[in-house]
Amino acid sequence: MLKQEQIATIPETVQNIGMIPLAQWNKYFAYPSSGTLRQMIFHNKYGINKIVTKLGGRIYIKVADFFNWLNEQDQQEAV
């Protein structure tokens, strides 16, 4: 479980980025890997599909929504 000071926040360098193609996710973030994200999206684990947009066969991750979702997951584990 993460401590309060470890809870993910949106890095200042990417706050203005709306969406990132899944294939380029690891250019911006080391965790989680794009392969892990693909598997979670395919199986819709933990309701991750609410942070995903599919356009023209490509998968995009909504950056702000991802970090909010990540915080939600941590808070659910703490309960």
Foldseek 3Di string as FASTA:
>chain_A
DDDPVPQDDQDPVCPPPFKDWLVCVCVPDVPPHSVVVVVCCVVCPLVLCVQWDADPNTIIGGRRVVSVSSNVVVVVVVD
